[in-house]
Amino acid sequence: MEMKIGKMDGLFLFLCLLLGILAEESFFRGQIGISYLVFIIGFYSVFYLRYHRFRFSHQRFGYLVLCCIWLLSASYFLNNNMLFYALNIIAIPSLVIFHLVLVTSPKSFQWSQPVFVSYLFSRLLDALKYNAVIAAYLGRGIKSGVNEDKLLVWKKVLIGIVISVPVLAVVLRLLMTADSQFERILGGIPNWFRVVDTESFIRFIIILISTAAIFCLMQVLFQKQIKVMKQEANLQQLQKLDSIITITVLVLINIVYILFTMVQFKYFFSGTLIGDFTYAEYARKGFFELLFVTMINLSITIVVVTLGDRGKNGVKRFTQLMLTILVLSSGVMLSSAFLRLSLYEAAYGFTFTRVLVHSFMIFLVIIFIYTLVKIWVEKLSLFHFYFITSLIYYTAITVIDLDRIVVKENMNRFEHTKKVDVHYLNSLSPTGVLGLIDLYEKDKNIPELQTILLERQKVANSESLPWQSYNIKREQAADKLKKLQLQ
């Protein structure tokens, strides 16, 4: 890889250095809040400045990914859910890299094909190689102005220092043990070097690493691809599933599922139960099993649709019919699981996990509907739809703040049953604290509620966070806590 750095590259390197400083300020100065959105704004400003004459590919899908990136980064400012806080630390950088590689890839590339994954990793590998080239380039620049003999002497001096360090560590330790005065003298040596602050040095290293990563990746992507990767990975070349074996498996599975569906309609959807189970016990007993079986069914359907040998028209239609029954049976199972969870929530209240699972089941319904269409319309792409839908789903549940739904549903449950778990609401994000404040304004006699709010109020009055950690929900909760008149 050749190293050519012009005037524009030098200016771009300076902008990347500013981005490296911004990255260190945004992510290593406290809890992330509005700083993530600030960094993304700065990052893409530099990106589009560098690529202002570049002809991007896959622009429509690229804009969708870009919108998701901006919304996910804004979620650090809008919400404060710890699960998504942790997940997005990995998800957002991954999406940013995917987006940059996507819009700078050749137009002929199909991002939904496995070859694109290889292309993406090859670009990342090129960025690492570019780092090595820069290091070698700088090394040659240093050598060019130094006499070879002097350079050799300094290398030997450095080797001698490295060899002597472990020996000196042992000797100094023994001498300090033998003489207390010598120990006091050496003990004061670190104070002579207070000019070099360890924390500042670490932050400087972080800035350099961030600058190098951003600069090298964008430089590599800016270079035009001379040789485009090609991979003949047609599905026709893959080993097909035997149609007779496939139909046999589908028929046997469908017989079991049809029997199960009849039981569900007879005992569950009709409002009657078997034995002495309560609704809550029945819901808890089978929910996760049903959800797991549904995921197995989806996997079977994807494998058969992708790798199945449809055979002649009669065999093909029968396979499609069996897959349709499998998908519809899965729909019944999802409905049963959804109702079970609803009954469980009615008995024990709403939690973040239960609401998240509810949303995931709605997502699965959408996936199954598309898969059902794919069974009969073969030209549709499963991965294309699955990826886009998954991206939109994940972005949506991150931005809409599921904690707010949990608080709202528990408030409604309190209105009807006077039951509420204040400790659970307190364990949620600041949205849960806002819910506790609303509860206190409605009923000041709820056990332990006032104690929890007093502790929260003390924290709000003493807490001082940097600008990087600014979050709307946290500020709203803190303001209300400070104004709250507790008895």
Protein backbone atom coordinates (compact mmCIF):
# COMPACT_ATOMS: atom_id res chain seq x y z
CA MET A 1 0.00 0.00 0.00
CA GLU A 2 1.52 3.28 -1.13
CA MET A 3 1.60 6.34 1.11
CA LYS A 4 0.64 9.59 -0.61
CA ILE A 5 -0.28 12.52 1.59
CA GLY A 6 -1.21 15.82 -0.08
CA LYS A 7 -2.37 19.15 1.28
CA MET A 8 -5.99 18.01 1.53
CA ASP A 9 -4.88 14.88 3.40
CA GLY A 10 -2.95 17.04 5.86
CA LEU A 11 -6.03 19.21 6.49
CA PHE A 12 -8.15 16.10 6.84
CA LEU A 13 -5.65 14.66 9.34
CA PHE A 14 -6.01 17.85 11.40
CA LEU A 15 -9.81 17.51 11.35
CA CYS A 16 -9.46 13.88 12.44
CA LEU A 17 -7.27 15.05 15.32
CA LEU A 18 -10.07 17.41 16.38
CA LEU A 19 -12.47 14.46 16.13
CA GLY A 20 -10.12 12.38 18.29
CA ILE A 21 -10.16 15.13 20.93
CA LEU A 22 -13.96 15.31 20.67
CA ALA A 23 -14.19 11.50 21.05
CA GLU A 24 -12.10 11.58 24.22
CA GLU A 25 -14.19 14.45 25.60
CA SER A 26 -17.46 12.74 24.68
CA PHE A 27 -16.86 9.19 25.88
CA PHE A 28 -14.22 9.26 28.60
CA ARG A 29 -15.31 12.14 30.85
CA GLY A 30 -18.27 10.57 32.60
CA GLN A 31 -21.58 8.90 31.80
CA ILE A 32 -22.51 9.35 28.15
CA GLY A 33 -25.46 11.62 27.45
CA ILE A 34 -25.81 14.39 24.89
CA SER A 35 -22.11 13.97 24.10
CA TYR A 36 -22.82 10.98 21.82
CA LEU A 37 -25.09 13.07 19.61
CA VAL A 38 -22.50 15.88 19.58
CA PHE A 39 -19.81 13.45 18.46
CA ILE A 40 -21.98 11.96 15.70
CA ILE A 41 -22.72 15.47 14.42
CA GLY A 42 -19.00 16.26 14.35
CA PHE A 43 -18.08 12.89 12.83
CA TYR A 44 -20.50 13.08 9.92
CA SER A 45 -19.69 16.75 9.32
CA VAL A 46 -16.06 15.76 8.73
CA PHE A 47 -17.11 12.72 6.71
CA TYR A 48 -19.30 14.68 4.29
CA LEU A 49 -16.70 17.43 4.06
CA ARG A 50 -14.12 14.87 3.00
CA TYR A 51 -16.49 13.06 0.62
CA HIS A 52 -18.34 16.09 -0.80
CA ARG A 53 -17.39 15.12 -4.37
CA PHE A 54 -17.71 11.38 -3.86
CA ARG A 55 -20.52 9.52 -5.65
CA PHE A 56 -22.20 7.43 -3.01
CA SER A 57 -23.88 4.11 -3.72
CA HIS A 58 -26.93 2.45 -2.10
CA GLN A 59 -28.16 5.91 -1.10
CA ARG A 60 -31.76 5.07 -0.15
CA PHE A 61 -30.76 2.27 2.21
CA GLY A 62 -27.82 4.39 3.36
CA TYR A 63 -30.16 7.17 4.45
CA LEU A 64 -32.22 4.67 6.43
CA VAL A 65 -29.11 3.40 8.26
CA LEU A 66 -27.97 6.99 8.83
CA CYS A 67 -31.35 7.95 10.36
CA CYS A 68 -31.12 4.95 12.70
CA ILE A 69 -27.60 5.97 13.74
CA TRP A 70 -28.75 9.50 14.57
CA LEU A 71 -31.81 8.27 16.49
CA LEU A 72 -29.78 5.74 18.48
CA SER A 73 -27.19 8.38 19.38
CA ALA A 74 -30.00 10.77 20.35
CA SER A 75 -31.39 8.09 22.70
CA TYR A 76 -28.48 8.79 25.08
CA PHE A 77 -29.86 12.33 25.31
CA LEU A 78 -33.56 11.45 25.36
CA ASN A 79 -33.69 8.29 27.51
CA ASN A 80 -31.56 6.62 30.13
CA ASN A 81 -32.18 2.87 29.93
CA MET A 82 -29.09 0.95 31.06
CA LEU A 83 -29.71 -2.05 28.76
CA PHE A 84 -29.76 0.05 25.60
CA TYR A 85 -27.02 2.26 27.03
CA ALA A 86 -24.72 -0.78 27.03
CA LEU A 87 -25.95 -2.30 23.75
CA ASN A 88 -25.60 0.93 21.79
CA ILE A 89 -21.96 1.30 22.79
CA ILE A 90 -21.42 -1.62 20.38
CA ALA A 91 -24.40 -1.15 18.04
CA ILE A 92 -23.78 2.47 16.99
CA PRO A 93 -20.08 2.11 16.02
CA SER A 94 -20.95 -1.11 14.16
CA LEU A 95 -23.70 0.67 12.23
CA VAL A 96 -21.43 3.64 11.50
CA ILE A 97 -18.76 1.36 10.01
CA PHE A 98 -21.42 -0.57 8.08
CA HIS A 99 -22.86 2.70 6.73
CA LEU A 100 -19.48 4.10 5.66
CA VAL A 101 -18.52 0.88 3.88
CA LEU A 102 -21.99 0.60 2.34
CA VAL A 103 -22.17 4.05 0.73
CA THR A 104 -18.55 3.90 -0.50
CA SER A 105 -18.79 0.37 -1.93
CA PRO A 106 -19.18 -0.31 -5.68
CA LYS A 107 -22.72 0.18 -6.93
CA SER A 108 -22.80 -3.36 -8.29
CA PHE A 109 -22.39 -4.78 -4.79
CA GLN A 110 -25.47 -6.32 -3.20
CA TRP A 111 -25.23 -5.61 0.53
CA SER A 112 -27.69 -8.40 1.33
CA GLN A 113 -25.32 -11.04 -0.10
CA PRO A 114 -22.72 -12.89 2.06
CA VAL A 115 -19.91 -11.44 -0.08
CA PHE A 116 -20.57 -7.99 1.41
CA VAL A 117 -19.52 -9.25 4.85
CA SER A 118 -16.17 -10.32 3.40
CA TYR A 119 -15.85 -6.95 1.68
CA LEU A 120 -16.59 -5.10 4.93
CA PHE A 121 -13.91 -6.96 6.87
CA SER A 122 -11.44 -6.49 4.02
CA ARG A 123 -11.94 -2.71 4.31
CA LEU A 124 -11.30 -2.84 8.04
CA LEU A 125 -8.18 -4.90 7.41
CA ASP A 126 -7.02 -2.32 4.86
CA ALA A 127 -7.48 0.39 7.49
CA LEU A 128 -5.22 -1.54 9.87
CA LYS A 129 -2.64 -1.94 7.11
CA TYR A 130 -2.86 1.79 6.46
CA ASN A 131 -1.94 2.38 10.12
CA ALA A 132 1.14 0.21 9.66
CA VAL A 133 2.07 2.10 6.49
CA ILE A 134 1.81 5.43 8.32
CA ALA A 135 4.01 4.12 11.13
CA ALA A 136 6.61 2.97 8.60
CA TYR A 137 6.37 6.31 6.77
CA LEU A 138 6.97 8.26 9.98
CA GLY A 139 9.82 5.92 10.87
CA ARG A 140 11.52 6.62 7.53
CA GLY A 141 11.02 10.35 8.09
CA ILE A 142 12.78 10.15 11.45
CA LYS A 143 15.62 8.07 10.05
CA SER A 144 16.20 10.38 7.09
CA GLY A 145 17.57 13.20 9.26
CA VAL A 146 19.64 11.03 11.60
CA ASN A 147 23.07 9.51 11.07
CA GLU A 148 22.87 5.71 10.87
CA ASP A 149 25.75 5.24 13.35
CA LYS A 150 24.11 7.52 15.94
CA LEU A 151 20.78 5.76 15.44
CA LEU A 152 22.45 2.42 16.06
CA VAL A 153 23.99 3.77 19.28
CA TRP A 154 20.61 4.99 20.55
CA LYS A 155 19.05 1.62 19.75
CA LYS A 156 21.70 -0.14 21.82
CA VAL A 157 21.23 2.35 24.68
CA LEU A 158 17.49 1.65 24.62
CA ILE A 159 18.11 -2.11 24.68
CA GLY A 160 20.45 -1.64 27.65
CA ILE A 161 17.81 0.36 29.53
CA VAL A 162 15.21 -2.35 28.91
CA ILE A 163 17.59 -5.06 30.16
CA SER A 164 18.59 -3.09 33.25
CA VAL A 165 15.05 -2.24 34.41
CA PRO A 166 14.25 -5.65 36.04
CA VAL A 167 17.73 -5.83 37.62
CA LEU A 168 17.41 -2.31 39.04
CA ALA A 169 13.95 -3.10 40.39
CA VAL A 170 15.33 -5.98 42.49
CA VAL A 171 18.47 -4.13 43.59
CA LEU A 172 16.67 -0.94 44.55
CA ARG A 173 14.11 -2.91 46.52
CA LEU A 174 16.88 -4.62 48.52
CA LEU A 175 18.79 -1.34 49.13
CA MET A 176 15.64 0.46 50.26
CA THR A 177 14.97 -2.33 52.74
CA ALA A 178 18.53 -2.10 54.08
CA ASP A 179 18.62 1.71 54.58
CA SER A 180 15.59 3.79 55.60
CA GLN A 181 17.27 7.10 54.65
CA PHE A 182 17.90 5.80 51.12
CA GLU A 183 14.27 4.67 51.00
CA ARG A 184 13.04 8.19 51.91
CA ILE A 185 15.22 9.74 49.20
CA LEU A 186 13.95 7.38 46.51
CA GLY A 187 10.41 7.67 47.83
CA GLY A 188 10.42 11.37 46.98
CA ILE A 189 11.57 10.86 43.38
CA PRO A 190 8.02 10.42 41.97
CA ASN A 191 7.21 13.96 43.14
CA TRP A 192 9.89 15.27 40.77
CA PHE A 193 7.90 13.96 37.82
CA ARG A 194 4.51 15.36 38.76
CA VAL A 195 4.71 17.42 35.59
CA VAL A 196 3.73 14.26 33.68
CA ASP A 197 0.20 13.39 34.78
CA THR A 198 -0.72 9.72 34.23
CA GLU A 199 -4.36 10.49 33.49
CA SER A 200 -3.42 13.15 30.94
CA PHE A 201 -0.99 10.75 29.29
CA ILE A 202 -3.69 8.06 29.01
CA ARG A 203 -6.13 10.58 27.54
CA PHE A 204 -3.46 11.66 25.04
CA ILE A 205 -3.02 8.04 23.96
CA ILE A 206 -6.81 7.70 23.54
CA ILE A 207 -6.85 10.81 21.34
CA LEU A 208 -4.05 9.43 19.16
CA ILE A 209 -5.76 6.03 18.78
CA SER A 210 -9.12 7.67 17.93
CA THR A 211 -7.48 10.01 15.42
CA ALA A 212 -5.59 7.18 13.73
CA ALA A 213 -8.68 4.95 13.54
CA ILE A 214 -10.90 7.65 12.01
CA PHE A 215 -8.24 8.94 9.60
CA CYS A 216 -7.13 5.55 8.32
CA LEU A 217 -10.65 4.17 7.84
CA MET A 218 -11.86 7.21 5.91
CA GLN A 219 -8.67 7.36 3.84
CA VAL A 220 -9.01 3.72 2.86
CA LEU A 221 -12.69 4.07 1.96
CA PHE A 222 -11.94 7.20 -0.08
CA GLN A 223 -9.58 5.27 -2.32
CA LYS A 224 -11.30 3.85 -5.36
CA GLN A 225 -11.50 0.10 -5.62
CA ILE A 226 -9.37 -1.10 -8.50
CA LYS A 227 -10.22 -4.76 -8.01
CA VAL A 228 -13.76 -5.54 -6.96
CA MET A 229 -14.24 -8.76 -5.03
CA LYS A 230 -16.39 -11.36 -6.72
CA GLN A 231 -17.85 -14.43 -5.19
CA GLU A 232 -20.00 -16.97 -6.92
CA ALA A 233 -22.21 -17.90 -4.04
CA ASN A 234 -25.42 -18.68 -5.87
CA LEU A 235 -27.96 -20.63 -3.92
CA GLN A 236 -28.20 -23.07 -6.80
CA GLN A 237 -24.65 -24.24 -6.03
CA LEU A 238 -25.49 -25.04 -2.40
CA GLN A 239 -26.57 -28.51 -1.35
CA LYS A 240 -30.34 -28.75 -1.66
CA LEU A 241 -32.59 -30.53 0.83
CA ASP A 242 -34.32 -33.61 -0.52
CA SER A 243 -37.99 -32.80 -1.19
CA ILE A 244 -39.34 -36.15 0.12
CA ILE A 245 -37.41 -35.87 3.39
CA THR A 246 -38.47 -32.23 3.76
CA ILE A 247 -42.14 -33.02 3.22
CA THR A 248 -42.00 -35.94 5.67
CA VAL A 249 -40.52 -33.74 8.40
CA LEU A 250 -43.04 -30.96 7.74
CA VAL A 251 -46.02 -33.33 7.78
CA LEU A 252 -45.02 -34.90 11.11
CA ILE A 253 -44.36 -31.51 12.72
CA ASN A 254 -47.61 -30.06 11.40
CA ILE A 255 -49.65 -32.98 12.80
CA VAL A 256 -48.35 -32.17 16.28
CA TYR A 257 -48.94 -28.43 15.81
CA ILE A 258 -52.49 -28.89 14.51
CA LEU A 259 -53.31 -31.00 17.57
CA PHE A 260 -51.76 -28.35 19.82
CA THR A 261 -53.72 -25.60 18.05
CA MET A 262 -56.99 -27.49 18.63
CA VAL A 263 -56.16 -27.73 22.34
CA GLN A 264 -55.37 -24.03 22.48
CA PHE A 265 -58.67 -23.06 20.90
CA LYS A 266 -60.61 -25.44 23.10
CA TYR A 267 -59.10 -24.61 26.48
CA PHE A 268 -57.24 -21.32 26.28
CA PHE A 269 -58.96 -19.03 23.83
CA SER A 270 -62.36 -20.16 25.07
CA GLY A 271 -61.56 -18.89 28.57
CA THR A 272 -61.50 -22.30 30.29
CA LEU A 273 -58.47 -24.03 31.79
CA ILE A 274 -57.41 -27.62 32.45
CA GLY A 275 -57.06 -28.81 36.02
CA ASP A 276 -56.58 -26.51 38.99
CA PHE A 277 -54.29 -23.96 37.26
CA THR A 278 -54.95 -20.27 37.74
CA TYR A 279 -54.46 -17.97 34.77
CA ALA A 280 -51.17 -16.69 36.22
CA GLU A 281 -49.84 -20.22 36.81
CA TYR A 282 -50.92 -21.33 33.34
CA ALA A 283 -49.29 -18.26 31.78
CA ARG A 284 -46.02 -18.79 33.61
CA LYS A 285 -46.02 -22.52 32.87
CA GLY A 286 -45.91 -22.40 29.08
CA PHE A 287 -44.91 -18.96 27.86
CA PHE A 288 -41.18 -19.42 27.25
CA GLU A 289 -41.71 -22.91 25.84
CA LEU A 290 -44.13 -21.55 23.25
CA LEU A 291 -41.80 -18.72 22.32
CA PHE A 292 -38.88 -21.12 21.92
CA VAL A 293 -40.91 -23.49 19.72
CA THR A 294 -41.96 -20.51 17.59
CA MET A 295 -38.32 -19.57 17.03
CA ILE A 296 -37.58 -23.20 16.03
CA ASN A 297 -40.45 -23.07 13.54
CA LEU A 298 -39.11 -19.85 12.04
CA SER A 299 -35.67 -21.44 11.66
CA ILE A 300 -37.15 -24.53 9.97
CA THR A 301 -39.15 -22.34 7.60
CA ILE A 302 -36.11 -20.24 6.64
CA VAL A 303 -33.98 -23.33 5.98
CA VAL A 304 -36.64 -25.01 3.82
CA VAL A 305 -37.45 -21.81 1.89
CA THR A 306 -33.76 -21.10 1.30
CA LEU A 307 -32.33 -24.59 0.70
CA GLY A 308 -35.36 -26.75 -0.01
CA ASP A 309 -35.70 -28.53 -3.36
CA ARG A 310 -39.25 -27.73 -4.44
CA GLY A 311 -39.23 -30.41 -7.18
CA LYS A 312 -42.08 -30.68 -9.64
CA ASN A 313 -45.24 -28.57 -9.46
CA GLY A 314 -47.21 -31.06 -7.33
CA VAL A 315 -44.39 -31.53 -4.81
CA LYS A 316 -43.68 -27.79 -4.86
CA ARG A 317 -47.30 -26.85 -4.06
CA PHE A 318 -47.53 -29.44 -1.31
CA THR A 319 -44.30 -28.14 0.27
CA GLN A 320 -45.66 -24.61 0.12
CA LEU A 321 -48.90 -25.81 1.76
CA MET A 322 -46.97 -27.54 4.57
CA LEU A 323 -44.86 -24.43 5.16
CA THR A 324 -48.02 -22.31 5.24
CA ILE A 325 -49.57 -24.56 7.89
CA LEU A 326 -46.30 -24.36 9.86
CA VAL A 327 -46.32 -20.55 9.75
CA LEU A 328 -50.02 -20.33 10.68
CA SER A 329 -49.48 -22.74 13.57
CA SER A 330 -46.62 -20.55 14.72
CA GLY A 331 -49.00 -17.60 14.59
CA VAL A 332 -51.39 -19.44 16.91
CA MET A 333 -48.51 -20.18 19.30
CA LEU A 334 -47.46 -16.55 19.27
CA SER A 335 -51.03 -15.49 20.03
CA SER A 336 -51.20 -18.00 22.87
CA ALA A 337 -47.88 -16.81 24.29
CA PHE A 338 -49.00 -13.18 23.97
CA LEU A 339 -52.19 -13.89 25.92
CA ARG A 340 -50.31 -15.89 28.55
CA LEU A 341 -47.95 -12.99 29.14
CA SER A 342 -50.85 -10.55 29.32
CA LEU A 343 -52.50 -12.66 32.01
CA TYR A 344 -49.23 -12.90 33.90
CA GLU A 345 -48.85 -9.11 33.78
CA ALA A 346 -52.39 -8.66 35.02
CA ALA A 347 -51.59 -10.84 38.03
CA TYR A 348 -48.05 -9.65 38.86
CA GLY A 349 -47.63 -6.28 37.18
CA PHE A 350 -45.59 -4.95 34.27
CA THR A 351 -41.80 -5.04 34.03
CA PHE A 352 -39.32 -3.88 31.42
CA THR A 353 -38.54 -7.48 30.40
CA ARG A 354 -42.20 -8.37 29.93
CA VAL A 355 -42.92 -5.29 27.81
CA LEU A 356 -39.76 -5.95 25.78
CA VAL A 357 -40.89 -9.54 25.12
CA HIS A 358 -44.33 -8.23 24.11
CA SER A 359 -42.71 -5.95 21.54
CA PHE A 360 -40.50 -8.79 20.32
CA MET A 361 -43.55 -10.99 19.70
CA ILE A 362 -45.14 -8.22 17.61
CA PHE A 363 -41.87 -8.05 15.67
CA LEU A 364 -42.04 -11.84 15.12
CA VAL A 365 -45.59 -11.51 13.76
CA ILE A 366 -44.31 -9.09 11.10
CA ILE A 367 -41.46 -11.47 10.28
CA PHE A 368 -43.85 -14.42 9.95
CA ILE A 369 -46.24 -12.47 7.70
CA TYR A 370 -43.42 -11.61 5.31
CA THR A 371 -42.11 -15.19 5.47
CA LEU A 372 -45.60 -16.45 4.56
CA VAL A 373 -45.59 -14.20 1.50
CA LYS A 374 -42.07 -15.40 0.61
CA ILE A 375 -43.28 -19.03 0.60
CA TRP A 376 -45.52 -18.26 -2.38
CA VAL A 377 -43.52 -15.41 -4.00
CA GLU A 378 -40.05 -16.91 -4.41
CA LYS A 379 -38.29 -13.84 -5.84
CA LEU A 380 -38.48 -11.96 -2.51
CA SER A 381 -35.34 -11.73 -0.37
CA LEU A 382 -35.61 -12.88 3.25
CA PHE A 383 -32.35 -11.41 4.55
CA HIS A 384 -33.02 -8.02 2.95
CA PHE A 385 -36.36 -7.70 4.76
CA TYR A 386 -35.16 -9.27 8.03
CA PHE A 387 -32.19 -6.91 8.32
CA ILE A 388 -34.17 -3.73 7.59
CA THR A 389 -37.04 -4.76 9.88
CA SER A 390 -34.65 -5.71 12.69
CA LEU A 391 -32.84 -2.39 12.36
CA ILE A 392 -36.08 -0.40 12.49
CA TYR A 393 -37.40 -2.49 15.39
CA TYR A 394 -34.25 -2.07 17.48
CA THR A 395 -34.14 1.66 16.80
CA ALA A 396 -37.83 2.04 17.67
CA ILE A 397 -37.68 0.24 21.03
CA THR A 398 -34.55 2.20 21.93
CA VAL A 399 -36.02 5.62 21.16
CA ILE A 400 -39.63 5.25 22.38
CA ASP A 401 -38.49 4.51 25.97
CA LEU A 402 -40.05 1.20 27.07
CA ASP A 403 -39.68 2.30 30.70
CA ARG A 404 -42.36 4.92 30.06
CA ILE A 405 -44.75 2.19 28.90
CA VAL A 406 -43.91 0.12 32.00
CA VAL A 407 -44.61 3.08 34.29
CA LYS A 408 -47.85 3.94 32.47
CA GLU A 409 -49.20 0.40 32.63
CA ASN A 410 -48.29 0.04 36.30
CA MET A 411 -50.02 3.35 37.03
CA ASN A 412 -53.16 2.08 35.28
CA ARG A 413 -52.94 -1.15 37.28
CA PHE A 414 -52.63 0.89 40.48
CA GLU A 415 -55.79 2.81 39.60
CA HIS A 416 -57.76 -0.44 39.38
CA THR A 417 -56.12 -2.67 41.98
CA LYS A 418 -54.19 -0.27 44.29
CA LYS A 419 -51.20 -2.58 43.83
CA VAL A 420 -47.81 -1.24 42.81
CA ASP A 421 -44.18 -2.26 43.30
CA VAL A 422 -42.45 1.02 44.20
CA HIS A 423 -39.06 -0.66 44.58
CA TYR A 424 -39.21 -1.95 41.01
CA LEU A 425 -40.17 1.47 39.64
CA ASN A 426 -37.27 2.92 41.61
CA SER A 427 -34.90 0.44 39.90
CA LEU A 428 -35.84 1.75 36.46
CA SER A 429 -34.33 4.75 34.68
CA PRO A 430 -35.31 8.33 35.70
CA THR A 431 -38.62 7.60 33.97
CA GLY A 432 -39.42 5.31 36.91
CA VAL A 433 -38.62 8.14 39.35
CA LEU A 434 -41.03 10.41 37.46
CA GLY A 435 -43.66 7.70 37.89
CA LEU A 436 -42.99 7.54 41.63
CA ILE A 437 -43.44 11.30 41.89
CA ASP A 438 -46.80 11.03 40.10
CA LEU A 439 -47.79 8.21 42.49
CA TYR A 440 -46.87 10.34 45.50
CA GLU A 441 -48.98 13.21 44.24
CA LYS A 442 -51.95 10.85 43.90
CA ASP A 443 -51.50 8.91 47.14
CA LYS A 444 -49.01 9.95 49.83
CA ASN A 445 -49.77 6.91 51.97
CA ILE A 446 -48.21 4.24 49.74
CA PRO A 447 -45.80 2.25 51.96
CA GLU A 448 -42.08 3.10 51.59
CA LEU A 449 -42.73 5.55 48.75
CA GLN A 450 -41.79 8.64 50.73
CA THR A 451 -38.57 7.03 51.99
CA ILE A 452 -37.51 6.21 48.44
CA LEU A 453 -38.26 9.72 47.24
CA LEU A 454 -36.34 11.28 50.15
CA GLU A 455 -33.24 9.27 49.18
CA ARG A 456 -33.67 10.25 45.56
CA GLN A 457 -34.10 13.89 46.54
CA LYS A 458 -30.82 13.89 48.49
CA VAL A 459 -29.00 12.46 45.48
CA ALA A 460 -30.58 15.04 43.13
CA ASN A 461 -29.56 17.93 45.40
CA SER A 462 -25.95 16.75 45.68
CA GLU A 463 -25.40 15.35 42.18
CA SER A 464 -23.35 17.40 39.73
CA LEU A 465 -22.66 15.88 36.32
CA PRO A 466 -20.55 17.22 33.41
CA TRP A 467 -22.13 18.48 30.21
CA GLN A 468 -21.32 15.19 28.49
CA SER A 469 -23.81 13.37 30.73
CA TYR A 470 -26.74 15.73 30.12
CA ASN A 471 -29.98 13.74 29.72
CA ILE A 472 -33.50 15.13 29.43
CA LYS A 473 -35.23 12.49 31.57
CA ARG A 474 -32.61 12.74 34.31
CA GLU A 475 -32.95 16.55 34.37
CA GLN A 476 -36.75 16.34 34.48
CA ALA A 477 -36.63 13.91 37.39
CA ALA A 478 -34.06 16.02 39.25
CA ASP A 479 -36.09 19.22 38.81
CA LYS A 480 -39.29 17.57 40.04
CA LEU A 481 -37.51 16.00 43.01
CA LYS A 482 -36.06 19.35 44.07
CA LYS A 483 -39.50 20.99 43.91
CA LEU A 484 -41.28 18.08 45.63
CA GLN A 485 -42.56 18.87 49.11
CA LEU A 486 -42.04 15.70 51.14
CA GLN A 487 -43.58 15.39 54.60
